[in-house]
Amino acid sequence: MNARFLVLGALHRGDLHPYEIKRRLEASLVECYLDVDVGTLYYAVRRLEKDGRIVPVRRERVARGGMRTIYRITPEGRAEFQDSFFRLLAADGPVARTLYGPLLFLHCVDRARLAEAIRARIARAEALVAELDPIRAELGPALATGGRQLLRHIELQRRLDRDWLRELLAAIEAGDA
């Protein structure tokens, strides 16, 4: 997940300056699962502005005598955000790496498309659970205790992810997410 995605997602809620973007991300606990420092965010803001994904809308004087720039997302920025959001949902990998960031911005995307993307993710999670049975049947008797425990952990994690995705889908369909 990159800082561009986070900046664009934050700007969906309104015009902000970079420090306020960082503050809002911190308030949403993003730093519990992503490493996003101020320098990375400011660099992303500069690149997004250069690429026409965000535009400055005004400058404000701050108490310490400096100026800060307030940015707004452009239609091109919204399109990049949407593409990034659904690309992350479709990506293979751990839920923490692929879904935690998009969870911050569920309100910014089309609900029907979101539900469909989650259904696809559930189907992949179910396939990952199902592929463990032949592995267990083939290797089970030969696995040492550590191997059995590792296989059990993988199974539990995959089932947990699948069940959590089902709950997320239910919340989306009920309008609670």
Protein backbone atom coordinates (compact mmCIF):
# COMPACT_ATOMS: atom_id res chain seq x y z
CA MET A 1 0.00 0.00 0.00
CA ASN A 2 1.38 3.36 -0.85
CA ALA A 3 1.08 6.85 0.51
CA ARG A 4 -0.56 8.08 -2.70
CA PHE A 5 -3.55 5.86 -1.98
CA LEU A 6 -3.81 7.11 1.61
CA VAL A 7 -3.55 10.78 0.62
CA LEU A 8 -6.19 10.41 -2.09
CA GLY A 9 -8.46 8.53 0.30
CA ALA A 10 -8.12 11.20 2.97
CA LEU A 11 -8.91 13.93 0.44
CA HIS A 12 -12.19 12.20 -0.43
CA ARG A 13 -13.50 13.64 2.85
CA GLY A 14 -12.66 17.21 1.94
CA ASP A 15 -9.88 19.67 1.34
CA LEU A 16 -6.93 19.19 3.68
CA HIS A 17 -3.32 20.17 4.20
CA PRO A 18 -0.67 17.43 4.50
CA TYR A 19 -0.30 17.63 8.27
CA GLU A 20 -4.07 17.23 8.69
CA ILE A 21 -3.96 14.19 6.39
CA LYS A 22 -1.28 12.68 8.64
CA ARG A 23 -3.29 13.52 11.76
CA ARG A 24 -6.43 11.87 10.37
CA LEU A 25 -4.54 8.78 9.36
CA GLU A 26 -3.08 8.56 12.86
CA ALA A 27 -6.57 8.93 14.34
CA SER A 28 -7.73 5.99 12.23
CA LEU A 29 -4.92 3.83 13.66
CA VAL A 30 -3.28 3.35 10.26
CA GLU A 31 0.13 3.25 11.93
CA CYS A 32 -0.82 0.01 13.68
CA TYR A 33 -0.43 -1.81 10.37
CA LEU A 34 1.35 0.58 7.99
CA ASP A 35 4.55 2.55 8.29
CA VAL A 36 3.70 6.02 6.99
CA ASP A 37 5.94 8.87 8.04
CA VAL A 38 5.44 12.58 7.45
CA GLY A 39 8.18 12.74 4.83
CA THR A 40 6.56 9.98 2.80
CA LEU A 41 3.19 11.73 2.92
CA TYR A 42 4.66 15.10 1.90
CA TYR A 43 6.51 13.46 -0.97
CA ALA A 44 3.28 11.76 -2.09
CA VAL A 45 1.47 15.10 -1.95
CA ARG A 46 4.13 16.73 -4.15
CA ARG A 47 3.97 13.87 -6.67
CA LEU A 48 0.17 13.85 -6.71
CA GLU A 49 0.13 17.59 -7.34
CA LYS A 50 2.71 17.25 -10.13
CA ASP A 51 0.65 14.42 -11.66
CA GLY A 52 -2.57 16.46 -11.54
CA ARG A 53 -4.28 14.17 -9.03
CA ILE A 54 -4.65 16.92 -6.44
CA VAL A 55 -4.62 20.71 -6.71
CA PRO A 56 -3.93 23.47 -4.21
CA VAL A 57 -7.11 25.39 -3.42
CA ARG A 58 -5.80 27.94 -0.93
CA ARG A 59 -2.96 28.87 1.35
CA GLU A 60 -3.35 29.71 5.03
CA ARG A 61 -1.05 31.49 7.40
CA VAL A 62 -0.18 29.41 10.46
CA ALA A 63 0.50 30.68 13.98
CA ARG A 64 4.27 30.29 13.68
CA GLY A 65 4.43 32.61 10.67
CA GLY A 66 4.57 30.02 7.91
CA MET A 67 2.07 29.10 5.24
CA ARG A 68 0.29 25.85 4.61
CA THR A 69 -1.35 24.69 1.42
CA ILE A 70 -4.79 23.11 1.37
CA TYR A 71 -5.34 20.51 -1.37
CA ARG A 72 -8.37 19.10 -3.19
CA ILE A 73 -8.62 15.83 -5.07
CA THR A 74 -9.25 16.10 -8.83
CA PRO A 75 -11.39 13.79 -10.97
CA GLU A 76 -8.14 12.11 -12.12
CA GLY A 77 -7.21 11.65 -8.47
CA ARG A 78 -10.60 10.10 -7.73
CA ALA A 79 -10.14 7.70 -10.65
CA GLU A 80 -6.65 6.72 -9.45
CA PHE A 81 -8.02 6.18 -5.95
CA GLN A 82 -10.83 3.93 -7.22
CA ASP A 83 -8.41 1.89 -9.33
CA SER A 84 -6.01 1.51 -6.40
CA PHE A 85 -8.79 0.60 -3.99
CA PHE A 86 -10.14 -2.24 -6.11
CA ARG A 87 -6.66 -3.40 -7.14
CA LEU A 88 -5.81 -3.81 -3.44
CA LEU A 89 -9.02 -5.74 -2.83
CA ALA A 90 -8.20 -8.04 -5.74
CA ALA A 91 -4.57 -8.57 -4.74
CA ASP A 92 -3.39 -11.85 -3.34
CA GLY A 93 -1.75 -11.67 0.03
CA PRO A 94 -2.47 -11.33 3.70
CA VAL A 95 -5.59 -9.42 4.69
CA ALA A 96 -3.48 -6.97 6.71
CA ARG A 97 -1.42 -6.00 3.66
CA THR A 98 -4.21 -5.86 1.10
CA LEU A 99 -7.40 -4.88 2.96
CA TYR A 100 -6.58 -2.85 6.04
CA GLY A 101 -5.89 0.33 4.08
CA PRO A 102 -9.01 0.11 1.92
CA LEU A 103 -11.13 -0.47 5.03
CA LEU A 104 -10.52 3.18 5.94
CA PHE A 105 -12.27 4.29 2.79
CA LEU A 106 -15.25 1.96 2.28
CA HIS A 107 -17.53 5.01 2.14
CA CYS A 108 -15.68 6.31 -0.95
CA VAL A 109 -16.52 3.52 -3.38
CA ASP A 110 -19.57 2.09 -5.12
CA ARG A 111 -21.32 -0.36 -2.77
CA ALA A 112 -22.31 -2.86 -5.47
CA ARG A 113 -18.77 -2.99 -6.85
CA LEU A 114 -17.40 -3.26 -3.31
CA ALA A 115 -19.72 -6.16 -2.46
CA GLU A 116 -18.72 -7.97 -5.65
CA ALA A 117 -15.02 -7.50 -4.87
CA ILE A 118 -15.53 -8.88 -1.35
CA ARG A 119 -17.45 -11.87 -2.76
CA ALA A 120 -14.51 -12.61 -5.06
CA ARG A 121 -12.16 -12.35 -2.09
CA ILE A 122 -14.35 -14.77 -0.10
CA ALA A 123 -14.26 -17.25 -2.97
CA ARG A 124 -10.46 -17.08 -3.02
CA ALA A 125 -10.35 -17.53 0.76
CA GLU A 126 -12.60 -20.60 0.50
CA ALA A 127 -10.33 -22.04 -2.18
CA LEU A 128 -7.30 -21.50 0.07
CA VAL A 129 -9.03 -23.35 2.91
CA ALA A 130 -10.04 -26.21 0.59
CA GLU A 131 -6.52 -26.69 -0.78
CA LEU A 132 -5.27 -27.65 2.69
CA ASP A 133 -7.21 -30.94 2.80
CA PRO A 134 -5.17 -32.70 0.08
CA ILE A 135 -1.96 -31.40 1.65
CA ARG A 136 -3.01 -32.74 5.04
CA ALA A 137 -4.00 -36.09 3.51
CA GLU A 138 -0.72 -36.44 1.65
CA LEU A 139 1.68 -35.16 4.29
CA GLY A 140 -0.27 -35.66 7.51
CA PRO A 141 1.22 -38.97 8.65
CA ALA A 142 4.75 -37.87 7.79
CA LEU A 143 4.58 -34.42 9.40
CA ALA A 144 6.41 -33.82 12.63
CA THR A 145 4.66 -32.04 15.48
CA GLY A 146 5.90 -28.63 14.31
CA GLY A 147 4.68 -29.26 10.78
CA ARG A 148 1.25 -30.29 12.02
CA GLN A 149 1.05 -27.19 14.18
CA LEU A 150 2.09 -24.97 11.29
CA LEU A 151 -0.52 -26.53 9.00
CA ARG A 152 -3.16 -26.04 11.72
CA HIS A 153 -2.20 -22.39 12.13
CA ILE A 154 -2.43 -21.79 8.38
CA GLU A 155 -5.87 -23.43 8.35
CA LEU A 156 -7.12 -21.36 11.30
CA GLN A 157 -5.82 -18.12 9.78
CA ARG A 158 -7.44 -18.84 6.42
CA ARG A 159 -10.76 -19.71 8.06
CA LEU A 160 -10.59 -16.60 10.23
CA ASP A 161 -9.97 -14.40 7.17
CA ARG A 162 -12.81 -16.07 5.25
CA ASP A 163 -15.25 -15.71 8.14
CA TRP A 164 -14.26 -12.08 8.71
CA LEU A 165 -14.78 -11.35 5.00
CA ARG A 166 -18.25 -12.90 5.21
CA GLU A 167 -19.09 -10.62 8.14
CA LEU A 168 -17.74 -7.62 6.25
CA LEU A 169 -19.89 -8.50 3.23
CA ALA A 170 -22.97 -8.80 5.44
CA ALA A 171 -22.24 -5.38 6.94
CA ILE A 172 -21.76 -3.85 3.48
CA GLU A 173 -25.00 -5.37 2.20
CA ALA A 174 -26.86 -4.14 5.31
CA GLY A 175 -25.43 -0.65 4.86
CA ASP A 176 -23.48 -0.86 8.12
CA ALA A 177 -20.00 -0.58 6.62
